[in-house]
Amino acid sequence: KPFRRPGAAFDAAFRWNINYRWALKCGLSTATLKADTR
């Protein structure tokens, strides 16, 4: 079940644009992951 009990997520990113088609991204992120089988 996608999107079951979602939590907040945040990120910060640095991207190197190699050309108009290709880019390389370095990222740091965090998210609250939750689940309940009841």
PDB file of all heavy atoms in Angstrom:
ATOM      1  N   LYS A   1       0.825  -1.204   0.000  1.00  0.00           N
ATOM      2  CA  LYS A   1       0.000   0.000   0.000  1.00  0.00           C
ATOM      3  C   LYS A   1       0.863   1.261   0.000  1.00  0.00           C
ATOM      4  O   LYS A   1       1.301   1.724   1.056  1.00  0.00           O
ATOM      5  CB  LYS A   1      -0.939   0.011   1.203  1.00  0.00           C
ATOM      6  CG  LYS A   1      -1.994  -1.092   1.155  1.00  0.00           C
ATOM      7  CD  LYS A   1      -3.005  -0.961   2.285  1.00  0.00           C
ATOM      8  CE  LYS A   1      -4.082  -2.019   2.173  1.00  0.00           C
ATOM      9  NZ  LYS A   1      -5.083  -1.893   3.261  1.00  0.00           N
ATOM     10  N   PRO A   2       1.122   1.838  -1.178  1.00  0.00           N
ATOM     11  CA  PRO A   2       1.881   3.098  -1.240  1.00  0.00           C
ATOM     12  C   PRO A   2       1.163   4.219  -0.481  1.00  0.00           C
ATOM     13  O   PRO A   2      -0.062   4.256  -0.427  1.00  0.00           O
ATOM     14  CB  PRO A   2       1.948   3.403  -2.734  1.00  0.00           C
ATOM     15  CG  PRO A   2       1.703   2.087  -3.406  1.00  0.00           C
ATOM     16  CD  PRO A   2       0.772   1.334  -2.508  1.00  0.00           C
ATOM     17  N   PHE A   3       1.941   5.100   0.105  1.00  0.00           N
ATOM     18  CA  PHE A   3       1.452   6.278   0.825  1.00  0.00           C
ATOM     19  C   PHE A   3       0.652   5.913   2.087  1.00  0.00           C
ATOM     20  O   PHE A   3      -0.082   6.745   2.612  1.00  0.00           O
ATOM     21  CB  PHE A   3       0.621   7.185  -0.087  1.00  0.00           C
ATOM     22  CG  PHE A   3       1.390   7.742  -1.246  1.00  0.00           C
ATOM     23  CD1 PHE A   3       1.297   7.164  -2.502  1.00  0.00           C
ATOM     24  CD2 PHE A   3       2.225   8.840  -1.082  1.00  0.00           C
ATOM     25  CE1 PHE A   3       2.008   7.673  -3.571  1.00  0.00           C
ATOM     26  CE2 PHE A   3       2.947   9.350  -2.147  1.00  0.00           C
ATOM     27  CZ  PHE A   3       2.837   8.768  -3.391  1.00  0.00           C
ATOM     28  N   ARG A   4       0.801   4.687   2.598  1.00  0.00           N
ATOM     29  CA  ARG A   4       0.146   4.323   3.850  1.00  0.00           C
ATOM     30  C   ARG A   4       0.926   4.933   5.014  1.00  0.00           C
ATOM     31  O   ARG A   4       2.123   4.763   5.124  1.00  0.00           O
ATOM     32  CB  ARG A   4       0.083   2.801   3.996  1.00  0.00           C
ATOM     33  CG  ARG A   4      -0.527   2.330   5.315  1.00  0.00           C
ATOM     34  CD  ARG A   4      -0.592   0.805   5.351  1.00  0.00           C
ATOM     35  NE  ARG A   4      -0.931   0.301   6.672  1.00  0.00           N
ATOM     36  CZ  ARG A   4      -2.167   0.206   7.146  1.00  0.00           C
ATOM     37  NH1 ARG A   4      -3.196   0.567   6.388  1.00  0.00           N
ATOM     38  NH2 ARG A   4      -2.386  -0.264   8.363  1.00  0.00           N
ATOM     39  N   ARG A   5       0.271   5.683   5.882  1.00  0.00           N
ATOM     40  CA  ARG A   5       0.855   6.344   7.050  1.00  0.00           C
ATOM     41  C   ARG A   5       2.110   7.156   6.686  1.00  0.00           C
ATOM     42  O   ARG A   5       3.210   6.885   7.165  1.00  0.00           O
ATOM     43  CB  ARG A   5       1.169   5.324   8.146  1.00  0.00           C
ATOM     44  CG  ARG A   5      -0.077   4.678   8.729  1.00  0.00           C
ATOM     45  CD  ARG A   5       0.260   3.773   9.886  1.00  0.00           C
ATOM     46  NE  ARG A   5       0.896   4.480  10.984  1.00  0.00           N
ATOM     47  CZ  ARG A   5       0.250   5.214  11.906  1.00  0.00           C
ATOM     48  NH1 ARG A   5      -1.066   5.342  11.846  1.00  0.00           N
ATOM     49  NH2 ARG A   5       0.914   5.803  12.874  1.00  0.00           N
ATOM     50  N   PRO A   6       1.975   8.158   5.826  1.00  0.00           N
ATOM     51  CA  PRO A   6       3.137   8.969   5.433  1.00  0.00           C
ATOM     52  C   PRO A   6       3.612   9.869   6.570  1.00  0.00           C
ATOM     53  O   PRO A   6       2.855  10.206   7.482  1.00  0.00           O
ATOM     54  CB  PRO A   6       2.605   9.791   4.259  1.00  0.00           C
ATOM     55  CG  PRO A   6       1.140   9.919   4.540  1.00  0.00           C
ATOM     56  CD  PRO A   6       0.736   8.615   5.173  1.00  0.00           C
ATOM     57  N   GLY A   7       4.868  10.250   6.491  1.00  0.00           N
ATOM     58  CA  GLY A   7       5.455  11.170   7.449  1.00  0.00           C
ATOM     59  C   GLY A   7       6.159  12.316   6.745  1.00  0.00           C
ATOM     60  O   GLY A   7       6.403  12.253   5.529  1.00  0.00           O
ATOM     61  N   ALA A   8       6.489  13.358   7.475  1.00  0.00           N
ATOM     62  CA  ALA A   8       7.145  14.536   6.895  1.00  0.00           C
ATOM     63  C   ALA A   8       8.558  14.187   6.428  1.00  0.00           C
ATOM     64  O   ALA A   8       9.259  13.384   7.051  1.00  0.00           O
ATOM     65  CB  ALA A   8       7.191  15.668   7.913  1.00  0.00           C
ATOM     66  N   ALA A   9       8.975  14.801   5.326  1.00  0.00           N
ATOM     67  CA  ALA A   9      10.311  14.591   4.770  1.00  0.00           C
ATOM     68  C   ALA A   9      10.907  15.927   4.344  1.00  0.00           C
ATOM     69  O   ALA A   9      10.177  16.820   3.880  1.00  0.00           O
ATOM     70  CB  ALA A   9      10.255  13.635   3.582  1.00  0.00           C
ATOM     71  N   PHE A  10      12.222  16.055   4.494  1.00  0.00           N
ATOM     72  CA  PHE A  10      12.936  17.287   4.127  1.00  0.00           C
ATOM     73  C   PHE A  10      14.283  16.903   3.514  1.00  0.00           C
ATOM     74  O   PHE A  10      14.854  15.866   3.853  1.00  0.00           O
ATOM     75  CB  PHE A  10      13.159  18.181   5.346  1.00  0.00           C
ATOM     76  CG  PHE A  10      11.893  18.545   6.064  1.00  0.00           C
ATOM     77  CD1 PHE A  10      11.476  17.792   7.153  1.00  0.00           C
ATOM     78  CD2 PHE A  10      11.123  19.618   5.656  1.00  0.00           C
ATOM     79  CE1 PHE A  10      10.304  18.102   7.825  1.00  0.00           C
ATOM     80  CE2 PHE A  10       9.950  19.939   6.311  1.00  0.00           C
ATOM     81  CZ  PHE A  10       9.541  19.179   7.401  1.00  0.00           C
ATOM     82  N   ASP A  11      14.783  17.772   2.616  1.00  0.00           N
ATOM     83  CA  ASP A  11      16.097  17.491   2.031  1.00  0.00           C
ATOM     84  C   ASP A  11      16.838  18.776   1.717  1.00  0.00           C
ATOM     85  O   ASP A  11      16.258  19.869   1.631  1.00  0.00           O
ATOM     86  CB  ASP A  11      15.967  16.623   0.776  1.00  0.00           C
ATOM     87  CG  ASP A  11      15.514  17.393  -0.464  1.00  0.00           C
ATOM     88  OD1 ASP A  11      14.953  18.503  -0.311  1.00  0.00           O
ATOM     89  OD2 ASP A  11      15.714  16.892  -1.577  1.00  0.00           O
ATOM     90  N   ALA A  12      18.152  18.645   1.568  1.00  0.00           N
ATOM     91  CA  ALA A  12      19.033  19.702   1.082  1.00  0.00           C
ATOM     92  C   ALA A  12      19.889  19.085  -0.004  1.00  0.00           C
ATOM     93  O   ALA A  12      20.305  17.916   0.111  1.00  0.00           O
ATOM     94  CB  ALA A  12      19.909  20.250   2.207  1.00  0.00           C
ATOM     95  N   ALA A  13      20.157  19.832  -1.077  1.00  0.00           N
ATOM     96  CA  ALA A  13      20.819  19.237  -2.232  1.00  0.00           C
ATOM     97  C   ALA A  13      21.800  20.201  -2.882  1.00  0.00           C
ATOM     98  O   ALA A  13      21.604  21.425  -2.874  1.00  0.00           O
ATOM     99  CB  ALA A  13      19.788  18.777  -3.259  1.00  0.00           C
ATOM    100  N   PHE A  14      22.840  19.609  -3.474  1.00  0.00           N
ATOM    101  CA  PHE A  14      23.794  20.309  -4.331  1.00  0.00           C
ATOM    102  C   PHE A  14      23.801  19.582  -5.672  1.00  0.00           C
ATOM    103  O   PHE A  14      23.907  18.359  -5.714  1.00  0.00           O
ATOM    104  CB  PHE A  14      25.191  20.291  -3.718  1.00  0.00           C
ATOM    105  CG  PHE A  14      26.271  20.774  -4.644  1.00  0.00           C
ATOM    106  CD1 PHE A  14      26.527  22.125  -4.778  1.00  0.00           C
ATOM    107  CD2 PHE A  14      27.014  19.870  -5.390  1.00  0.00           C
ATOM    108  CE1 PHE A  14      27.515  22.576  -5.641  1.00  0.00           C
ATOM    109  CE2 PHE A  14      28.009  20.302  -6.260  1.00  0.00           C
ATOM    110  CZ  PHE A  14      28.259  21.662  -6.382  1.00  0.00           C
ATOM    111  N   ARG A  15      23.657  20.337  -6.752  1.00  0.00           N
ATOM    112  CA  ARG A  15      23.577  19.713  -8.078  1.00  0.00           C
ATOM    113  C   ARG A  15      24.631  20.304  -9.001  1.00  0.00           C
ATOM    114  O   ARG A  15      24.800  21.531  -9.074  1.00  0.00           O
ATOM    115  CB  ARG A  15      22.187  19.921  -8.667  1.00  0.00           C
ATOM    116  CG  ARG A  15      21.978  19.262 -10.019  1.00  0.00           C
ATOM    117  CD  ARG A  15      20.550  19.442 -10.519  1.00  0.00           C
ATOM    118  NE  ARG A  15      19.612  18.567  -9.823  1.00  0.00           N
ATOM    119  CZ  ARG A  15      18.784  18.977  -8.850  1.00  0.00           C
ATOM    120  NH1 ARG A  15      18.785  20.245  -8.451  1.00  0.00           N
ATOM    121  NH2 ARG A  15      17.958  18.128  -8.279  1.00  0.00           N
ATOM    122  N   TRP A  16      25.350  19.439  -9.718  1.00  0.00           N
ATOM    123  CA  TRP A  16      26.307  19.841 -10.748  1.00  0.00           C
ATOM    124  C   TRP A  16      25.671  19.585 -12.108  1.00  0.00           C
ATOM    125  O   TRP A  16      25.389  18.447 -12.466  1.00  0.00           O
ATOM    126  CB  TRP A  16      27.608  19.051 -10.612  1.00  0.00           C
ATOM    127  CG  TRP A  16      28.577  19.252 -11.756  1.00  0.00           C
ATOM    128  CD1 TRP A  16      28.757  20.387 -12.500  1.00  0.00           C
ATOM    129  CD2 TRP A  16      29.489  18.279 -12.277  1.00  0.00           C
ATOM    130  NE1 TRP A  16      29.728  20.198 -13.451  1.00  0.00           N
ATOM    131  CE2 TRP A  16      30.200  18.904 -13.340  1.00  0.00           C
ATOM    132  CE3 TRP A  16      29.778  16.954 -11.953  1.00  0.00           C
ATOM    133  CZ2 TRP A  16      31.166  18.226 -14.074  1.00  0.00           C
ATOM    134  CZ3 TRP A  16      30.755  16.291 -12.692  1.00  0.00           C
ATOM    135  CH2 TRP A  16      31.445  16.924 -13.735  1.00  0.00           C
ATOM    136  N   ASN A  17      25.396  20.654 -12.840  1.00  0.00           N
ATOM    137  CA  ASN A  17      24.791  20.546 -14.169  1.00  0.00           C
ATOM    138  C   ASN A  17      25.896  20.313 -15.194  1.00  0.00           C
ATOM    139  O   ASN A  17      26.569  21.248 -15.627  1.00  0.00           O
ATOM    140  CB  ASN A  17      24.001  21.811 -14.489  1.00  0.00           C
ATOM    141  CG  ASN A  17      22.806  21.970 -13.577  1.00  0.00           C
ATOM    142  OD1 ASN A  17      21.976  21.078 -13.456  1.00  0.00           O
ATOM    143  ND2 ASN A  17      22.721  23.108 -12.909  1.00  0.00           N
ATOM    144  N   ILE A  18      26.065  19.053 -15.580  1.00  0.00           N
ATOM    145  CA  ILE A  18      27.137  18.687 -16.500  1.00  0.00           C
ATOM    146  C   ILE A  18      26.888  19.285 -17.876  1.00  0.00           C
ATOM    147  O   ILE A  18      27.786  19.817 -18.523  1.00  0.00           O
ATOM    148  CB  ILE A  18      27.245  17.153 -16.586  1.00  0.00           C
ATOM    149  CG1 ILE A  18      27.538  16.574 -15.192  1.00  0.00           C
ATOM    150  CG2 ILE A  18      28.327  16.734 -17.576  1.00  0.00           C
ATOM    151  CD1 ILE A  18      27.454  15.070 -15.114  1.00  0.00           C
ATOM    152  N   ASN A  19      25.653  19.192 -18.341  1.00  0.00           N
ATOM    153  CA  ASN A  19      25.219  19.843 -19.579  1.00  0.00           C
ATOM    154  C   ASN A  19      23.706  20.019 -19.499  1.00  0.00           C
ATOM    155  O   ASN A  19      23.127  19.883 -18.417  1.00  0.00           O
ATOM    156  CB  ASN A  19      25.656  19.048 -20.826  1.00  0.00           C
ATOM    157  CG  ASN A  19      25.217  17.591 -20.773  1.00  0.00           C
ATOM    158  OD1 ASN A  19      24.097  17.284 -20.369  1.00  0.00           O
ATOM    159  ND2 ASN A  19      26.109  16.689 -21.159  1.00  0.00           N
ATOM    160  N   TYR A  20      23.051  20.292 -20.636  1.00  0.00           N
ATOM    161  CA  TYR A  20      21.611  20.566 -20.598  1.00  0.00           C
ATOM    162  C   TYR A  20      20.773  19.318 -20.324  1.00  0.00           C
ATOM    163  O   TYR A  20      19.610  19.430 -19.951  1.00  0.00           O
ATOM    164  CB  TYR A  20      21.161  21.213 -21.910  1.00  0.00           C
ATOM    165  CG  TYR A  20      21.739  22.587 -22.118  1.00  0.00           C
ATOM    166  CD1 TYR A  20      22.720  22.810 -23.082  1.00  0.00           C
ATOM    167  CD2 TYR A  20      21.316  23.658 -21.340  1.00  0.00           C
ATOM    168  CE1 TYR A  20      23.260  24.070 -23.262  1.00  0.00           C
ATOM    169  CE2 TYR A  20      21.842  24.921 -21.524  1.00  0.00           C
ATOM    170  CZ  TYR A  20      22.826  25.126 -22.483  1.00  0.00           C
ATOM    171  OH  TYR A  20      23.358  26.372 -22.670  1.00  0.00           O
ATOM    172  N   ARG A  21      21.342  18.130 -20.525  1.00  0.00           N
ATOM    173  CA  ARG A  21      20.603  16.881 -20.333  1.00  0.00           C
ATOM    174  C   ARG A  21      20.976  16.151 -19.042  1.00  0.00           C
ATOM    175  O   ARG A  21      20.143  15.486 -18.445  1.00  0.00           O
ATOM    176  CB  ARG A  21      20.838  15.942 -21.529  1.00  0.00           C
ATOM    177  CG  ARG A  21      20.203  16.392 -22.836  1.00  0.00           C
ATOM    178  CD  ARG A  21      18.692  16.383 -22.760  1.00  0.00           C
ATOM    179  NE  ARG A  21      18.062  16.739 -24.023  1.00  0.00           N
ATOM    180  CZ  ARG A  21      17.543  15.868 -24.865  1.00  0.00           C
ATOM    181  NH1 ARG A  21      17.586  14.567 -24.598  1.00  0.00           N
ATOM    182  NH2 ARG A  21      16.978  16.265 -25.980  1.00  0.00           N
ATOM    183  N   TRP A  22      22.227  16.237 -18.629  1.00  0.00           N
ATOM    184  CA  TRP A  22      22.717  15.437 -17.509  1.00  0.00           C
ATOM    185  C   TRP A  22      23.094  16.293 -16.313  1.00  0.00           C
ATOM    186  O   TRP A  22      23.658  17.381 -16.466  1.00  0.00           O
ATOM    187  CB  TRP A  22      23.932  14.613 -17.926  1.00  0.00           C
ATOM    188  CG  TRP A  22      23.609  13.471 -18.835  1.00  0.00           C
ATOM    189  CD1 TRP A  22      23.699  13.454 -20.209  1.00  0.00           C
ATOM    190  CD2 TRP A  22      23.139  12.175 -18.460  1.00  0.00           C
ATOM    191  NE1 TRP A  22      23.313  12.240 -20.704  1.00  0.00           N
ATOM    192  CE2 TRP A  22      22.966  11.420 -19.649  1.00  0.00           C
ATOM    193  CE3 TRP A  22      22.844  11.579 -17.231  1.00  0.00           C
ATOM    194  CZ2 TRP A  22      22.521  10.105 -19.638  1.00  0.00           C
ATOM    195  CZ3 TRP A  22      22.403  10.263 -17.224  1.00  0.00           C
ATOM    196  CH2 TRP A  22      22.239   9.538 -18.416  1.00  0.00           C
ATOM    197  N   ALA A  23      22.773  15.791 -15.124  1.00  0.00           N
ATOM    198  CA  ALA A  23      23.148  16.466 -13.876  1.00  0.00           C
ATOM    199  C   ALA A  23      23.500  15.417 -12.833  1.00  0.00           C
ATOM    200  O   ALA A  23      23.019  14.275 -12.878  1.00  0.00           O
ATOM    201  CB  ALA A  23      22.020  17.350 -13.366  1.00  0.00           C
ATOM    202  N   LEU A  24      24.347  15.804 -11.889  1.00  0.00           N
ATOM    203  CA  LEU A  24      24.744  14.937 -10.783  1.00  0.00           C
ATOM    204  C   LEU A  24      24.360  15.636  -9.487  1.00  0.00           C
ATOM    205  O   LEU A  24      24.755  16.775  -9.249  1.00  0.00           O
ATOM    206  CB  LEU A  24      26.246  14.687 -10.825  1.00  0.00           C
ATOM    207  CG  LEU A  24      26.783  13.541  -9.958  1.00  0.00           C
ATOM    208  CD1 LEU A  24      26.217  12.201 -10.425  1.00  0.00           C
ATOM    209  CD2 LEU A  24      28.307  13.511  -9.999  1.00  0.00           C
ATOM    210  N   LYS A  25      23.579  14.939  -8.665  1.00  0.00           N
ATOM    211  CA  LYS A  25      23.044  15.535  -7.443  1.00  0.00           C
ATOM    212  C   LYS A  25      23.584  14.823  -6.213  1.00  0.00           C
ATOM    213  O   LYS A  25      23.593  13.592  -6.148  1.00  0.00           O
ATOM    214  CB  LYS A  25      21.513  15.440  -7.456  1.00  0.00           C
ATOM    215  CG  LYS A  25      20.833  15.837  -6.159  1.00  0.00           C
ATOM    216  CD  LYS A  25      19.342  15.569  -6.233  1.00  0.00           C
ATOM    217  CE  LYS A  25      18.664  15.714  -4.883  1.00  0.00           C
ATOM    218  NZ  LYS A  25      17.225  15.368  -4.947  1.00  0.00           N
ATOM    219  N   CYS A  26      24.022  15.608  -5.228  1.00  0.00           N
ATOM    220  CA  CYS A  26      24.396  15.092  -3.910  1.00  0.00           C
ATOM    221  C   CYS A  26      23.360  15.617  -2.921  1.00  0.00           C
ATOM    222  O   CYS A  26      23.110  16.827  -2.872  1.00  0.00           O
ATOM    223  CB  CYS A  26      25.781  15.564  -3.507  1.00  0.00           C
ATOM    224  SG  CYS A  26      27.092  15.018  -4.611  1.00  0.00           S
ATOM    225  N   GLY A  27      22.762  14.717  -2.139  1.00  0.00           N
ATOM    226  CA  GLY A  27      21.678  15.140  -1.269  1.00  0.00           C
ATOM    227  C   GLY A  27      21.747  14.562   0.122  1.00  0.00           C
ATOM    228  O   GLY A  27      22.298  13.478   0.351  1.00  0.00           O
ATOM    229  N   LEU A  28      21.197  15.299   1.067  1.00  0.00           N
ATOM    230  CA  LEU A  28      21.038  14.863   2.448  1.00  0.00           C
ATOM    231  C   LEU A  28      19.564  15.044   2.795  1.00  0.00           C
ATOM    232  O   LEU A  28      19.014  16.131   2.614  1.00  0.00           O
ATOM    233  CB  LEU A  28      21.912  15.698   3.384  1.00  0.00           C
ATOM    234  CG  LEU A  28      21.745  15.427   4.885  1.00  0.00           C
ATOM    235  CD1 LEU A  28      22.188  14.021   5.241  1.00  0.00           C
ATOM    236  CD2 LEU A  28      22.534  16.452   5.696  1.00  0.00           C
ATOM    237  N   SER A  29      18.915  13.988   3.281  1.00  0.00           N
ATOM    238  CA  SER A  29      17.488  14.053   3.550  1.00  0.00           C
ATOM    239  C   SER A  29      17.131  13.324   4.831  1.00  0.00           C
ATOM    240  O   SER A  29      17.901  12.516   5.347  1.00  0.00           O
ATOM    241  CB  SER A  29      16.692  13.460   2.379  1.00  0.00           C
ATOM    242  OG  SER A  29      17.038  12.103   2.185  1.00  0.00           O
ATOM    243  N   THR A  30      15.934  13.613   5.321  1.00  0.00           N
ATOM    244  CA  THR A  30      15.403  12.929   6.495  1.00  0.00           C
ATOM    245  C   THR A  30      13.901  12.760   6.332  1.00  0.00           C
ATOM    246  O   THR A  30      13.241  13.572   5.674  1.00  0.00           O
ATOM    247  CB  THR A  30      15.717  13.709   7.786  1.00  0.00           C
ATOM    248  OG1 THR A  30      15.239  12.969   8.921  1.00  0.00           O
ATOM    249  CG2 THR A  30      15.065  15.080   7.783  1.00  0.00           C
ATOM    250  N   ALA A  31      13.368  11.680   6.906  1.00  0.00           N
ATOM    251  CA  ALA A  31      11.932  11.417   6.809  1.00  0.00           C
ATOM    252  C   ALA A  31      11.488  10.635   8.036  1.00  0.00           C
ATOM    253  O   ALA A  31      12.246   9.842   8.597  1.00  0.00           O
ATOM    254  CB  ALA A  31      11.599  10.643   5.542  1.00  0.00           C
ATOM    255  N   THR A  32      10.254  10.864   8.438  1.00  0.00           N
ATOM    256  CA  THR A  32       9.635  10.079   9.506  1.00  0.00           C
ATOM    257  C   THR A  32       8.908   8.912   8.864  1.00  0.00           C
ATOM    258  O   THR A  32       7.964   9.114   8.099  1.00  0.00           O
ATOM    259  CB  THR A  32       8.650  10.938  10.314  1.00  0.00           C
ATOM    260  OG1 THR A  32       9.335  12.066  10.854  1.00  0.00           O
ATOM    261  CG2 THR A  32       8.047  10.132  11.457  1.00  0.00           C
ATOM    262  N   LEU A  33       9.358   7.692   9.172  1.00  0.00           N
ATOM    263  CA  LEU A  33       8.751   6.487   8.624  1.00  0.00           C
ATOM    264  C   LEU A  33       7.879   5.838   9.689  1.00  0.00           C
ATOM    265  O   LEU A  33       8.305   5.653  10.826  1.00  0.00           O
ATOM    266  CB  LEU A  33       9.823   5.505   8.155  1.00  0.00           C
ATOM    267  CG  LEU A  33      10.791   6.017   7.087  1.00  0.00           C
ATOM    268  CD1 LEU A  33      11.743   4.904   6.679  1.00  0.00           C
ATOM    269  CD2 LEU A  33      10.040   6.556   5.872  1.00  0.00           C
ATOM    270  N   LYS A  34       6.645   5.479   9.306  1.00  0.00           N
ATOM    271  CA  LYS A  34       5.692   4.914  10.253  1.00  0.00           C
ATOM    272  C   LYS A  34       4.974   3.723   9.612  1.00  0.00           C
ATOM    273  O   LYS A  34       4.821   3.660   8.399  1.00  0.00           O
ATOM    274  CB  LYS A  34       4.650   5.964  10.657  1.00  0.00           C
ATOM    275  CG  LYS A  34       5.227   7.195  11.328  1.00  0.00           C
ATOM    276  CD  LYS A  34       4.147   8.191  11.676  1.00  0.00           C
ATOM    277  CE  LYS A  34       3.617   8.900  10.452  1.00  0.00           C
ATOM    278  NZ  LYS A  34       2.629   9.960  10.803  1.00  0.00           N
ATOM    279  N   ALA A  35       4.520   2.792  10.480  1.00  0.00           N
ATOM    280  CA  ALA A  35       3.708   1.671  10.018  1.00  0.00           C
ATOM    281  C   ALA A  35       2.899   1.137  11.183  1.00  0.00           C
ATOM    282  O   ALA A  35       3.297   1.257  12.346  1.00  0.00           O
ATOM    283  CB  ALA A  35       4.580   0.568   9.428  1.00  0.00           C
ATOM    284  N   ASP A  36       1.751   0.542  10.856  1.00  0.00           N
ATOM    285  CA  ASP A  36       0.870  -0.043  11.864  1.00  0.00           C
ATOM    286  C   ASP A  36       0.084  -1.154  11.177  1.00  0.00           C
ATOM    287  O   ASP A  36      -0.599  -0.906  10.173  1.00  0.00           O
ATOM    288  CB  ASP A  36      -0.071   1.021  12.420  1.00  0.00           C
ATOM    289  CG  ASP A  36      -0.815   0.551  13.661  1.00  0.00           C
ATOM    290  OD1 ASP A  36      -0.961  -0.674  13.830  1.00  0.00           O
ATOM    291  OD2 ASP A  36      -1.262   1.407  14.438  1.00  0.00           O
ATOM    292  N   THR A  37       0.181  -2.382  11.701  1.00  0.00           N
ATOM    293  CA  THR A  37      -0.483  -3.519  11.066  1.00  0.00           C
ATOM    294  C   THR A  37      -1.864  -3.791  11.635  1.00  0.00           C
ATOM    295  O   THR A  37      -2.508  -4.771  11.241  1.00  0.00           O
ATOM    296  CB  THR A  37       0.378  -4.787  11.218  1.00  0.00           C
ATOM    297  OG1 THR A  37       0.482  -5.136  12.603  1.00  0.00           O
ATOM    298  CG2 THR A  37       1.766  -4.570  10.638  1.00  0.00           C
ATOM    299  N   ARG A  38      -2.329  -2.974  12.558  1.00  0.00           N
ATOM    300  CA  ARG A  38      -3.663  -3.198  13.108  1.00  0.00           C
ATOM    301  C   ARG A  38      -4.719  -3.091  12.004  1.00  0.00           C
ATOM    302  O   ARG A  38      -4.664  -2.208  11.170  1.00  0.00           O
ATOM    303  CB  ARG A  38      -3.962  -2.186  14.207  1.00  0.00           C
ATOM    304  CG  ARG A  38      -3.209  -2.466  15.510  1.00  0.00           C
ATOM    305  CD  ARG A  38      -3.459  -1.397  16.540  1.00  0.00           C
ATOM    306  NE  ARG A  38      -2.897  -0.115  16.118  1.00  0.00           N
ATOM    307  CZ  ARG A  38      -2.930   0.992  16.874  1.00  0.00           C
ATOM    308  NH1 ARG A  38      -3.506   0.960  18.064  1.00  0.00           N
ATOM    309  NH2 ARG A  38      -2.390   2.098  16.428  1.00  0.00           N
TER     310      ARG A  38
END
